[in-house]
Amino acid sequence: MALSLPPRASARTWCGLAVLLLPALLVSMDLSVLFVAGPAITETLAPTATQWLWMMDVYGFVLAGLLITMGSLGDRIGRRRLLLAGAALFGAASAVVAFASSPETFILARALLGLGGATLAPSTLSLIRGMFTDPRQRSTAVGAWTAAFSGGAVVGPVLGGLLLEHFWWGTVFLVNVPVMLLLLATAPLLVPEAEKAAPAPFDLVGALSSLTAVLALVFTMKHLAGHGPDPVAAAAAAVGAAAAAVFLRRQRRAAHPLVDVDLFRVPAFSASVCANTAVALAASGLGVLAFTFLQTVHGLSPLHAALWALPTFAGTLAGVAAATTLASRLTPAVLVFGGLLVTACGFGVVAVAPPETGPWGFIGGYTVLTLGVGVTATVTNSLILTAAPPERAGTAAGISETSSELGAALGIAVLGTVAHTVYRSVMTAHAPEGTDPAAVETVSGAVAAAGPDPAGAAAELLGTALSAYTDGVTAAALTGAVLLTAVAVPVSLAVRGLPRPG
C-alpha cells in the first residue's frame, strides 16, 4: 500500500509565513532597541535610576510572564484571532511609547507593548505548526522563524542606530506601526485560522500563578546581576518558588489546565526546552556584554558597534540554513549535540581572542556562537511543536518562548554577574588611589571619569578599567563554554531515538 504523504505548502502558505515573520522580528527587536536609544531617551525624559530600570525591563518582564497564558488562550479562542488582537495592541502601544512625555507614560506603554508581544510570539509559531504539515517544509519554516526572532536582537540596535542618526528617539518605536498595519491587512487573507481546542473554561488561577512565578524569578535574576545576593533577591526568589509550586499543583489537578505537565514527561520535549533555554542564555548573555565591550574596549560608536555586530546575524542565518539542509541527513540528536558544541566553541574563541587584534576576534567568536544557536534553536523549536498534540500547539509555543525569555534573563544574570564580579575585583585591587567609586563599579563609569582626553592618572585609570572589563568578558565566555558543553551530552541523549524529519 502506498504511503499517504502530507500535503505540501502552497505559494499562499509561504506568503503567509513571510507575514508571520514580521511580528517575530519586531518582538525580538524591541527587547534590544533600547541599547542604542537609551541615552537619547534619558536625556529627554530625565528618569530616576529606578524609573530607568523599569523603562528598560518592564517589556521583557510582561512578555516572559504572559507567554504561556497567551499561548493557551490562543488554543481556546483561535490563534489568528489572538494574533490580530495582539498586532493592534502592539501597534497602538508603540505609538504611545514613541510620543511618551514622561517616564510614567513610557513605563505603562512598554508594559502594554509587552502584553501585545506576548500574544504575537506564541501565535506566530503555533500557526506555522498548523500551516506546514510536511516535516521538511515545517523545519524550513521554523528555521525562518528562528532566524527572524534571533536576528531581531541584532537588527534592533542596527536599525535604532540608523534612525537616531537622522531622527528623534521615538522613531525606533514608531516603525512598528506600519508593520502592524500590514499584518492586520494581510493576515486574514494569507494565514488560515488554526483548529481550536475543545471549548473549556480559562484557568485564571493558573494564569495568575504563572505570571507571578515568572515575573518574580526574572526579577530575582536581574536583581542578582545588578546587586548580588541580598534580602530583596531572597524574597523575590521565595515568592517565585511559591507561585511556581501553586502553578504546578494547579496544572496537575485542574480539569482544563493551561499546560499539560505530561508534556514534560516526554524526554524529547523537556530536553528541547532545556536546550532552548541554554542557547538563549548564550545569545543574550554575550549580547548584553558585546555592545559595551565594542564601545569601550574598542572605542566604537553605538552605530558602528551595531554594524560590526551584523555578521552575528549572518551566523544565525547560516545556522538555520545548516539545520534545515542537514535535517534529512542527520538525526536531531546529532544536530542538537553539534549545535550546542559549536555554541560552546564560539564562547571559547571570545575567551582567547586578544583585544589587540581589534574587534575581529570577538566578532568572529560571537558569529560562531550564533551559528550554533541557529542550528540548535531550529531543531529544538521544531521538536517542541511536533511533540505536542496539534490542538495544544499554542501552549507548546508559549512554553518554547518562555524558556527562551527565561534563558535570556538567566544569561544576563549569570554571565553579567561573572563579568561584573571580575571587573570590580580587578579594579578594587589595581585602580589608582582616589578613583571615583562609579569607575570601580562599571567600565562606563571609568570611561566617564577618565574624560575625553585622558592623561596621567586618568589614562592609567582607563587602561586598568578596559583591561579589567576584558578580563570580565573572558571569564563570562569561559563560564558560558562550560555550561553549554555540560548541557550538550544529556540533551542529545534524551533525543537520540528520534528519527530524521521526512
Protein backbone atom coordinates (compact mmCIF):
# COMPACT_ATOMS: atom_id res chain seq x y z
CA MET A 1 0.00 0.00 0.00
CA ALA A 2 1.35 3.44 -0.93
CA LEU A 3 2.11 5.75 1.93
CA SER A 4 -0.07 8.85 2.24
CA LEU A 5 2.23 11.84 2.15
CA PRO A 6 1.27 15.08 3.94
CA PRO A 7 0.20 17.89 1.60
CA ARG A 8 2.91 20.34 0.64
CA ALA A 9 2.64 24.05 1.25
CA SER A 10 1.24 26.30 -1.45
CA ALA A 11 2.57 29.68 -2.59
CA ARG A 12 -0.11 31.31 -0.43
CA THR A 13 1.19 29.42 2.60
CA TRP A 14 4.73 30.66 2.01
CA CYS A 15 3.42 34.22 1.66
CA GLY A 16 1.59 33.71 4.94
CA LEU A 17 4.89 32.64 6.52
CA ALA A 18 6.51 35.88 5.32
CA VAL A 19 3.73 37.81 7.05
CA LEU A 20 4.20 35.86 10.30
CA LEU A 21 7.94 36.54 10.34
CA LEU A 22 7.34 40.29 10.71
CA PRO A 23 5.91 40.21 14.26
CA ALA A 24 8.52 37.63 15.31
CA LEU A 25 11.25 40.05 14.19
CA LEU A 26 9.66 43.07 15.89
CA VAL A 27 9.00 41.35 19.22
CA SER A 28 12.69 40.45 19.44
CA MET A 29 13.86 43.84 18.15
CA ASP A 30 12.00 45.69 20.88
CA LEU A 31 13.98 43.77 23.51
CA SER A 32 17.29 45.22 22.28
CA VAL A 33 16.48 48.55 20.64
CA LEU A 34 16.91 50.41 23.96
CA PHE A 35 20.62 49.54 23.92
CA VAL A 36 21.23 52.39 21.48
CA ALA A 37 18.18 54.60 22.13
CA GLY A 38 18.73 54.71 25.90
CA PRO A 39 20.98 57.80 26.11
CA ALA A 40 18.63 59.92 23.98
CA ILE A 41 15.59 58.77 25.96
CA THR A 42 17.17 59.54 29.33
CA GLU A 43 18.26 62.97 28.12
CA THR A 44 14.69 63.82 27.05
CA LEU A 45 12.60 62.22 29.81
CA ALA A 46 15.13 62.55 32.69
CA PRO A 47 14.02 59.43 34.62
CA THR A 48 15.29 58.49 38.06
CA ALA A 49 17.55 55.45 38.35
CA THR A 50 14.60 53.32 39.50
CA GLN A 51 12.36 54.61 36.71
CA TRP A 52 15.03 53.86 34.11
CA LEU A 53 15.35 50.30 35.43
CA TRP A 54 11.64 49.79 34.87
CA MET A 55 11.73 51.51 31.49
CA MET A 56 14.37 49.00 30.41
CA ASP A 57 12.92 45.86 31.97
CA VAL A 58 9.11 46.06 32.09
CA TYR A 59 8.70 44.96 28.45
CA GLY A 60 10.69 41.76 28.98
CA PHE A 61 9.04 41.12 32.35
CA VAL A 62 5.50 41.27 30.98
CA LEU A 63 6.45 39.40 27.81
CA ALA A 64 8.02 36.50 29.72
CA GLY A 65 5.24 36.37 32.30
CA LEU A 66 2.36 36.08 29.84
CA LEU A 67 3.70 33.84 27.07
CA ILE A 68 2.31 30.57 28.46
CA THR A 69 -1.02 32.20 29.30
CA MET A 70 -1.40 33.76 25.85
CA GLY A 71 -0.35 30.55 24.11
CA SER A 72 -3.09 28.66 25.95
CA LEU A 73 -5.61 31.44 25.28
CA GLY A 74 -4.85 31.21 21.56
CA ASP A 75 -5.57 27.48 21.64
CA ARG A 76 -9.03 28.30 23.01
CA ILE A 77 -10.17 31.40 21.09
CA GLY A 78 -8.21 30.96 17.86
CA ARG A 79 -4.56 31.74 17.22
CA ARG A 80 -5.12 34.05 14.26
CA ARG A 81 -7.73 35.98 16.22
CA LEU A 82 -5.29 36.41 19.09
CA LEU A 83 -2.53 37.38 16.63
CA LEU A 84 -4.67 40.16 15.14
CA ALA A 85 -5.68 41.46 18.56
CA GLY A 86 -2.05 41.45 19.62
CA ALA A 87 -0.98 43.26 16.45
CA ALA A 88 -3.49 46.05 17.10
CA LEU A 89 -2.33 46.42 20.71
CA PHE A 90 1.37 46.25 19.75
CA GLY A 91 0.96 48.97 17.11
CA ALA A 92 -1.05 51.26 19.40
CA ALA A 93 1.36 50.81 22.32
CA SER A 94 4.33 51.52 20.01
CA ALA A 95 2.82 54.87 19.07
CA VAL A 96 2.26 55.75 22.74
CA VAL A 97 5.88 54.85 23.60
CA ALA A 98 7.16 56.95 20.69
CA PHE A 99 5.37 60.08 21.90
CA ALA A 100 5.73 59.48 25.67
CA SER A 101 6.37 62.73 27.52
CA SER A 102 7.14 61.29 30.96
CA PRO A 103 8.82 58.20 32.41
CA GLU A 104 5.48 57.02 33.84
CA THR A 105 3.82 57.07 30.43
CA PHE A 106 6.81 55.31 28.89
CA ILE A 107 6.71 52.53 31.51
CA LEU A 108 2.96 51.96 31.11
CA ALA A 109 3.19 51.90 27.31
CA ARG A 110 6.16 49.49 27.39
CA ALA A 111 4.11 47.19 29.66
CA LEU A 112 1.26 47.25 27.10
CA LEU A 113 3.85 46.58 24.39
CA GLY A 114 4.96 43.50 26.33
CA LEU A 115 1.34 42.35 26.56
CA GLY A 116 1.00 42.71 22.79
CA GLY A 117 4.29 40.90 22.24
CA ALA A 118 3.15 38.03 24.45
CA THR A 119 0.19 37.44 22.11
CA LEU A 120 2.29 37.72 18.92
CA ALA A 121 5.20 35.37 19.65
CA PRO A 122 3.37 32.11 20.51
CA SER A 123 0.62 32.82 17.95
CA THR A 124 3.10 33.05 15.07
CA LEU A 125 4.97 29.87 15.98
CA SER A 126 1.83 27.80 16.63
CA LEU A 127 0.20 28.99 13.36
CA ILE A 128 3.32 27.90 11.47
CA ARG A 129 2.95 24.46 13.01
CA GLY A 130 -0.55 24.14 11.54
CA MET A 131 0.25 25.70 8.14
CA PHE A 132 3.11 23.33 7.32
CA THR A 133 2.24 19.63 7.58
CA ASP A 134 5.21 18.32 5.58
CA PRO A 135 8.02 17.72 8.13
CA ARG A 136 10.82 19.08 5.93
CA GLN A 137 8.88 22.16 4.95
CA ARG A 138 7.90 22.72 8.58
CA SER A 139 11.57 22.51 9.53
CA THR A 140 12.35 25.18 6.93
CA ALA A 141 9.51 27.39 8.17
CA VAL A 142 10.52 27.04 11.82
CA GLY A 143 14.09 27.82 10.80
CA ALA A 144 12.97 31.03 9.14
CA TRP A 145 11.02 31.95 12.28
CA THR A 146 14.11 31.21 14.40
CA ALA A 147 16.24 33.45 12.19
CA ALA A 148 13.71 36.29 12.46
CA PHE A 149 13.30 36.00 16.21
CA SER A 150 17.01 35.55 16.96
CA GLY A 151 18.10 38.12 14.40
CA GLY A 152 15.83 40.78 15.83
CA ALA A 153 18.21 41.16 18.77
CA VAL A 154 20.92 42.24 16.30
CA VAL A 155 18.69 44.14 13.88
CA GLY A 156 17.21 46.23 16.70
CA PRO A 157 20.41 48.11 17.62
CA VAL A 158 21.39 48.49 13.94
CA LEU A 159 18.03 49.95 12.92
CA GLY A 160 17.95 52.07 16.08
CA GLY A 161 21.40 53.47 15.38
CA LEU A 162 20.49 54.36 11.80
CA LEU A 163 17.27 56.10 12.83
CA LEU A 164 18.96 58.02 15.65
CA GLU A 165 21.49 59.39 13.19
CA HIS A 166 18.67 61.35 11.49
CA PHE A 167 15.53 61.39 13.67
CA TRP A 168 14.35 61.65 17.28
CA TRP A 169 14.33 58.60 19.54
CA GLY A 170 10.60 57.92 19.13
CA THR A 171 11.11 56.68 15.58
CA VAL A 172 12.72 53.45 16.83
CA PHE A 173 9.28 52.51 18.17
CA LEU A 174 7.16 54.25 15.54
CA VAL A 175 8.48 51.91 12.81
CA ASN A 176 6.39 49.16 14.43
CA VAL A 177 3.12 50.85 13.46
CA PRO A 178 3.16 50.39 9.64
CA VAL A 179 4.37 46.80 10.06
CA MET A 180 1.45 46.01 12.36
CA LEU A 181 -0.97 47.68 9.92
CA LEU A 182 0.44 45.47 7.15
CA LEU A 183 -0.05 42.41 9.35
CA LEU A 184 -3.65 43.37 10.13
CA ALA A 185 -4.40 43.85 6.42
CA THR A 186 -2.74 40.69 5.05
CA ALA A 187 -3.02 38.02 7.78
CA PRO A 188 -6.79 37.44 7.27
CA LEU A 189 -6.08 36.77 3.59
CA LEU A 190 -2.91 34.66 3.84
CA VAL A 191 -2.94 32.98 7.27
CA PRO A 192 -5.64 30.36 7.93
CA GLU A 193 -7.19 30.10 11.37
CA ALA A 194 -5.90 27.11 13.32
CA GLU A 195 -8.16 24.46 14.77
CA LYS A 196 -9.26 25.43 18.26
CA ALA A 197 -9.04 23.17 21.25
CA ALA A 198 -12.31 21.92 22.73
CA PRO A 199 -14.17 24.76 24.50
CA ALA A 200 -13.05 24.91 28.11
CA PRO A 201 -13.01 27.41 30.96
CA PHE A 202 -9.90 29.55 31.12
CA ASP A 203 -7.67 28.72 34.10
CA LEU A 204 -7.42 32.15 35.75
CA VAL A 205 -5.70 30.85 38.90
CA GLY A 206 -3.10 29.09 36.77
CA ALA A 207 -2.57 32.21 34.68
CA LEU A 208 -2.05 34.45 37.73
CA SER A 209 0.30 31.99 39.46
CA SER A 210 2.26 31.51 36.21
CA LEU A 211 2.61 35.27 35.76
CA THR A 212 3.69 35.75 39.38
CA ALA A 213 6.24 32.93 39.22
CA VAL A 214 7.88 34.10 36.00
CA LEU A 215 7.94 37.79 36.98
CA ALA A 216 9.38 37.04 40.42
CA LEU A 217 12.06 34.69 39.09
CA VAL A 218 13.07 37.01 36.24
CA PHE A 219 13.24 39.90 38.71
CA THR A 220 15.43 37.76 41.00
CA MET A 221 17.89 37.02 38.20
CA LYS A 222 18.11 40.65 37.12
CA HIS A 223 18.46 41.86 40.72
CA LEU A 224 21.24 39.35 41.39
CA ALA A 225 23.07 40.60 38.31
CA GLY A 226 22.95 44.19 39.49
CA HIS A 227 23.13 43.95 43.28
CA GLY A 228 24.27 40.45 44.20
CA PRO A 229 22.61 38.26 46.86
CA ASP A 230 20.56 40.34 49.31
CA PRO A 231 17.21 40.16 51.14
CA VAL A 232 15.34 41.58 48.14
CA ALA A 233 16.63 38.80 45.88
CA ALA A 234 15.86 36.17 48.52
CA ALA A 235 12.30 37.45 48.98
CA ALA A 236 11.66 37.59 45.23
CA ALA A 237 13.02 34.07 44.80
CA ALA A 238 10.78 32.80 47.62
CA VAL A 239 7.71 34.41 46.05
CA GLY A 240 8.61 32.96 42.67
CA ALA A 241 9.17 29.46 44.05
CA ALA A 242 5.87 29.55 45.98
CA ALA A 243 3.95 30.75 42.90
CA ALA A 244 5.62 28.07 40.76
CA ALA A 245 4.57 25.40 43.29
CA VAL A 246 0.99 26.68 43.20
CA PHE A 247 1.05 26.70 39.40
CA LEU A 248 2.36 23.12 39.12
CA ARG A 249 -0.13 21.82 41.67
CA ARG A 250 -2.95 23.61 39.87
CA GLN A 251 -1.92 22.18 36.49
CA ARG A 252 -1.91 18.63 37.86
CA ARG A 253 -5.39 18.97 39.38
CA ALA A 254 -7.27 21.33 37.05
CA ALA A 255 -9.78 19.82 34.64
CA HIS A 256 -8.61 22.19 31.89
CA PRO A 257 -5.01 23.22 32.73
CA LEU A 258 -3.01 25.90 30.92
CA VAL A 259 -0.10 23.49 30.48
CA ASP A 260 -0.26 19.76 30.08
CA VAL A 261 2.51 18.84 32.52
CA ASP A 262 2.61 15.37 30.97
CA LEU A 263 4.39 17.01 28.03
CA PHE A 264 7.47 17.33 30.23
CA ARG A 265 7.47 13.57 30.75
CA VAL A 266 8.31 13.25 27.04
CA PRO A 267 12.13 13.32 27.01
CA ALA A 268 12.29 14.99 23.59
CA PHE A 269 10.04 17.84 24.76
CA SER A 270 11.75 18.55 28.10
CA ALA A 271 15.24 18.20 26.58
CA SER A 272 14.34 20.58 23.75
CA VAL A 273 13.05 23.14 26.24
CA CYS A 274 16.32 22.79 28.18
CA ALA A 275 18.40 23.27 25.01
CA ASN A 276 16.29 26.28 24.03
CA THR A 277 16.98 27.83 27.42
CA ALA A 278 20.71 27.13 27.06
CA VAL A 279 21.13 28.80 23.67
CA ALA A 280 19.02 31.78 24.76
CA LEU A 281 21.37 32.08 27.75
CA ALA A 282 24.33 32.08 25.38
CA ALA A 283 22.96 34.62 22.92
CA SER A 284 21.61 37.10 25.47
CA GLY A 285 24.39 36.67 28.00
CA LEU A 286 27.07 37.53 25.45
CA GLY A 287 24.85 40.06 23.69
CA VAL A 288 24.41 42.21 26.79
CA LEU A 289 28.21 42.37 27.17
CA ALA A 290 29.00 42.79 23.47
CA PHE A 291 27.90 46.36 22.82
CA THR A 292 29.58 47.70 25.96
CA PHE A 293 32.74 45.78 25.06
CA LEU A 294 32.81 47.11 21.50
CA GLN A 295 32.11 50.69 22.56
CA THR A 296 34.54 50.87 25.50
CA VAL A 297 37.42 48.48 24.82
CA HIS A 298 37.38 49.04 21.04
CA GLY A 299 36.13 52.64 21.07
CA LEU A 300 33.28 52.22 18.59
CA SER A 301 30.22 54.48 18.42
CA PRO A 302 26.80 52.87 19.09
CA LEU A 303 26.02 52.74 15.35
CA HIS A 304 29.43 51.36 14.40
CA ALA A 305 29.20 48.76 17.18
CA ALA A 306 25.81 47.67 15.82
CA LEU A 307 27.19 47.48 12.27
CA TRP A 308 30.16 45.43 13.47
CA ALA A 309 27.64 43.01 15.00
CA LEU A 310 25.92 42.32 11.66
CA PRO A 311 27.99 39.16 10.98
CA THR A 312 26.42 37.62 14.06
CA PHE A 313 23.04 37.84 12.30
CA ALA A 314 24.61 36.13 9.30
CA GLY A 315 25.82 33.42 11.69
CA THR A 316 22.25 32.82 12.83
CA LEU A 317 21.05 32.59 9.22
CA ALA A 318 23.84 30.15 8.38
CA GLY A 319 22.91 28.01 11.39
CA VAL A 320 19.26 27.94 10.36
CA ALA A 321 20.21 27.00 6.79
CA ALA A 322 22.55 24.28 8.02
CA ALA A 323 19.91 22.77 10.32
CA THR A 324 17.29 22.82 7.56
CA THR A 325 19.64 21.29 4.98
CA LEU A 326 21.04 18.61 7.28
CA ALA A 327 17.70 17.66 8.89
CA SER A 328 17.08 14.96 6.25
CA ARG A 329 20.59 13.53 6.62
CA LEU A 330 21.31 13.69 10.36
CA THR A 331 19.22 12.81 13.38
CA PRO A 332 18.01 15.52 15.78
CA ALA A 333 20.39 14.18 18.43
CA VAL A 334 23.43 14.80 16.21
CA LEU A 335 22.23 18.26 15.20
CA VAL A 336 21.45 19.36 18.76
CA PHE A 337 24.74 18.00 20.09
CA GLY A 338 26.68 19.67 17.28
CA GLY A 339 24.82 22.96 17.66
CA LEU A 340 25.47 23.16 21.39
CA LEU A 341 29.15 22.30 20.93
CA VAL A 342 29.54 24.94 18.21
CA THR A 343 27.95 27.48 20.58
CA ALA A 344 30.43 26.48 23.28
CA CYS A 345 33.30 26.84 20.78
CA GLY A 346 32.10 30.36 19.99
CA PHE A 347 32.43 31.21 23.66
CA GLY A 348 35.91 29.70 23.59
CA VAL A 349 37.02 31.91 20.69
CA VAL A 350 35.71 35.01 22.52
CA ALA A 351 37.66 33.96 25.61
CA VAL A 352 41.02 33.57 23.84
CA ALA A 353 40.78 36.37 21.24
CA PRO A 354 43.27 39.14 22.22
CA PRO A 355 41.78 42.67 22.13
CA GLU A 356 44.96 43.92 20.40
CA THR A 357 43.72 42.38 17.14
CA GLY A 358 40.71 44.70 17.11
CA PRO A 359 37.04 43.64 17.10
CA TRP A 360 37.64 40.83 14.60
CA GLY A 361 38.42 38.12 17.14
CA PHE A 362 35.46 38.97 19.35
CA ILE A 363 33.02 39.22 16.43
CA GLY A 364 34.42 36.01 14.94
CA GLY A 365 33.74 34.09 18.15
CA TYR A 366 30.35 35.75 18.54
CA THR A 367 29.42 34.69 14.98
CA VAL A 368 30.47 31.08 15.64
CA LEU A 369 28.25 31.20 18.73
CA THR A 370 25.22 32.45 16.78
CA LEU A 371 25.85 29.75 14.16
CA GLY A 372 25.42 27.14 16.90
CA VAL A 373 22.38 28.97 18.28
CA GLY A 374 20.75 28.93 14.82
CA VAL A 375 21.27 25.18 14.43
CA THR A 376 20.10 24.29 17.94
CA ALA A 377 17.08 26.60 18.11
CA THR A 378 15.77 25.50 14.71
CA VAL A 379 15.84 21.83 15.69
CA THR A 380 14.53 22.28 19.24
CA ASN A 381 11.67 24.62 18.28
CA SER A 382 10.54 22.07 15.69
CA LEU A 383 10.79 19.23 18.24
CA ILE A 384 8.79 21.20 20.82
CA LEU A 385 5.96 21.81 18.36
CA THR A 386 5.82 18.27 16.98
CA ALA A 387 5.98 16.67 20.45
CA ALA A 388 2.73 18.43 21.43
CA PRO A 389 -0.70 17.49 20.08
CA PRO A 390 -1.84 19.85 17.29
CA GLU A 391 -4.63 21.31 19.43
CA ARG A 392 -2.03 22.27 22.10
CA ALA A 393 0.46 23.86 19.68
CA GLY A 394 -0.17 27.35 21.09
CA THR A 395 0.61 26.19 24.61
CA ALA A 396 3.75 24.41 23.38
CA ALA A 397 4.84 27.55 21.54
CA GLY A 398 4.25 29.57 24.69
CA ILE A 399 6.44 27.17 26.67
CA SER A 400 9.13 27.41 23.99
CA GLU A 401 9.08 31.21 24.09
CA THR A 402 9.02 31.30 27.89
CA SER A 403 12.09 29.06 28.01
CA SER A 404 13.84 31.48 25.64
CA GLU A 405 12.91 34.51 27.75
CA LEU A 406 13.97 32.82 30.98
CA GLY A 407 17.18 31.69 29.33
CA ALA A 408 17.83 35.28 28.24
CA ALA A 409 17.26 36.56 31.78
CA LEU A 410 19.46 33.79 33.17
CA GLY A 411 22.21 34.59 30.66
CA ILE A 412 22.17 38.27 31.58
CA ALA A 413 22.19 37.38 35.27
CA VAL A 414 24.84 34.65 35.23
CA LEU A 415 27.29 35.95 32.62
CA GLY A 416 26.65 39.58 33.58
CA THR A 417 27.36 38.78 37.23
CA VAL A 418 30.56 36.90 36.36
CA ALA A 419 31.84 39.79 34.22
CA HIS A 420 30.85 42.40 36.81
CA THR A 421 32.43 40.47 39.70
CA VAL A 422 35.74 40.06 37.88
CA TYR A 423 35.75 43.72 36.79
CA ARG A 424 35.06 45.02 40.28
CA SER A 425 37.64 42.68 41.83
CA VAL A 426 40.40 43.80 39.44
CA MET A 427 39.51 47.48 39.84
CA THR A 428 39.43 47.24 43.63
CA ALA A 429 42.92 45.74 43.60
CA HIS A 430 44.59 47.83 40.89
CA ALA A 431 42.74 51.14 40.38
CA PRO A 432 44.79 54.27 41.20
CA GLU A 433 44.33 55.93 44.59
CA GLY A 434 41.35 58.26 44.81
CA THR A 435 39.44 56.62 41.95
CA ASP A 436 35.79 57.63 41.66
CA PRO A 437 33.62 54.80 43.14
CA ALA A 438 31.49 54.81 39.98
CA ALA A 439 34.60 53.85 37.99
CA VAL A 440 35.11 50.82 40.22
CA GLU A 441 31.51 49.68 39.68
CA THR A 442 31.22 49.88 35.85
CA VAL A 443 33.52 50.35 32.89
CA SER A 444 31.19 53.09 31.60
CA GLY A 445 31.76 54.92 34.88
CA ALA A 446 35.50 54.58 34.38
CA VAL A 447 35.29 55.97 30.83
CA ALA A 448 33.27 58.93 32.11
CA ALA A 449 35.69 59.53 34.99
CA ALA A 450 38.72 59.42 32.68
CA GLY A 451 37.26 62.09 30.40
CA PRO A 452 37.53 62.53 26.62
CA ASP A 453 41.33 63.07 26.54
CA PRO A 454 42.79 61.11 29.45
CA ALA A 455 46.38 61.70 30.50
CA GLY A 456 48.45 60.78 33.53
CA ALA A 457 46.35 59.22 36.29
CA ALA A 458 43.22 59.37 34.11
CA ALA A 459 44.94 57.38 31.36
CA GLU A 460 46.13 54.85 33.93
CA LEU A 461 42.59 54.52 35.27
CA LEU A 462 41.16 54.00 31.79
CA GLY A 463 43.78 51.39 30.89
CA THR A 464 43.13 49.47 34.11
CA ALA A 465 39.37 49.60 33.57
CA LEU A 466 39.49 48.38 29.98
CA SER A 467 41.82 45.54 30.96
CA ALA A 468 39.53 44.64 33.86
CA TYR A 469 36.45 44.60 31.64
CA THR A 470 38.25 42.42 29.10
CA ASP A 471 39.08 40.00 31.93
CA GLY A 472 35.42 40.02 32.95
CA VAL A 473 34.22 39.23 29.42
CA THR A 474 36.81 36.45 29.17
CA ALA A 475 35.62 34.90 32.44
CA ALA A 476 31.98 35.14 31.32
CA ALA A 477 32.82 33.48 27.99
CA LEU A 478 34.63 30.62 29.73
CA THR A 479 31.64 30.16 32.04
CA GLY A 480 29.32 30.00 29.02
CA ALA A 481 31.55 27.46 27.28
CA VAL A 482 31.48 25.17 30.32
CA LEU A 483 27.69 25.47 30.73
CA LEU A 484 26.94 24.72 27.05
CA THR A 485 29.33 21.77 26.98
CA ALA A 486 27.72 20.35 30.14
CA VAL A 487 24.23 20.62 28.63
CA ALA A 488 25.15 19.08 25.25
CA VAL A 489 25.56 15.46 26.34
CA PRO A 490 22.35 14.91 28.40
CA VAL A 491 20.17 16.81 25.91
CA SER A 492 21.46 14.85 22.92
CA LEU A 493 20.97 11.56 24.81
CA ALA A 494 17.36 12.50 25.56
CA VAL A 495 16.51 12.93 21.86
CA ARG A 496 18.75 10.18 20.49
CA GLY A 497 15.84 7.90 19.49
CA LEU A 498 14.08 10.42 17.28
CA PRO A 499 14.15 9.83 13.51
CA ARG A 500 15.11 12.33 10.82
CA PRO A 501 12.22 14.54 9.60
CA GLY A 502 10.52 13.23 6.47
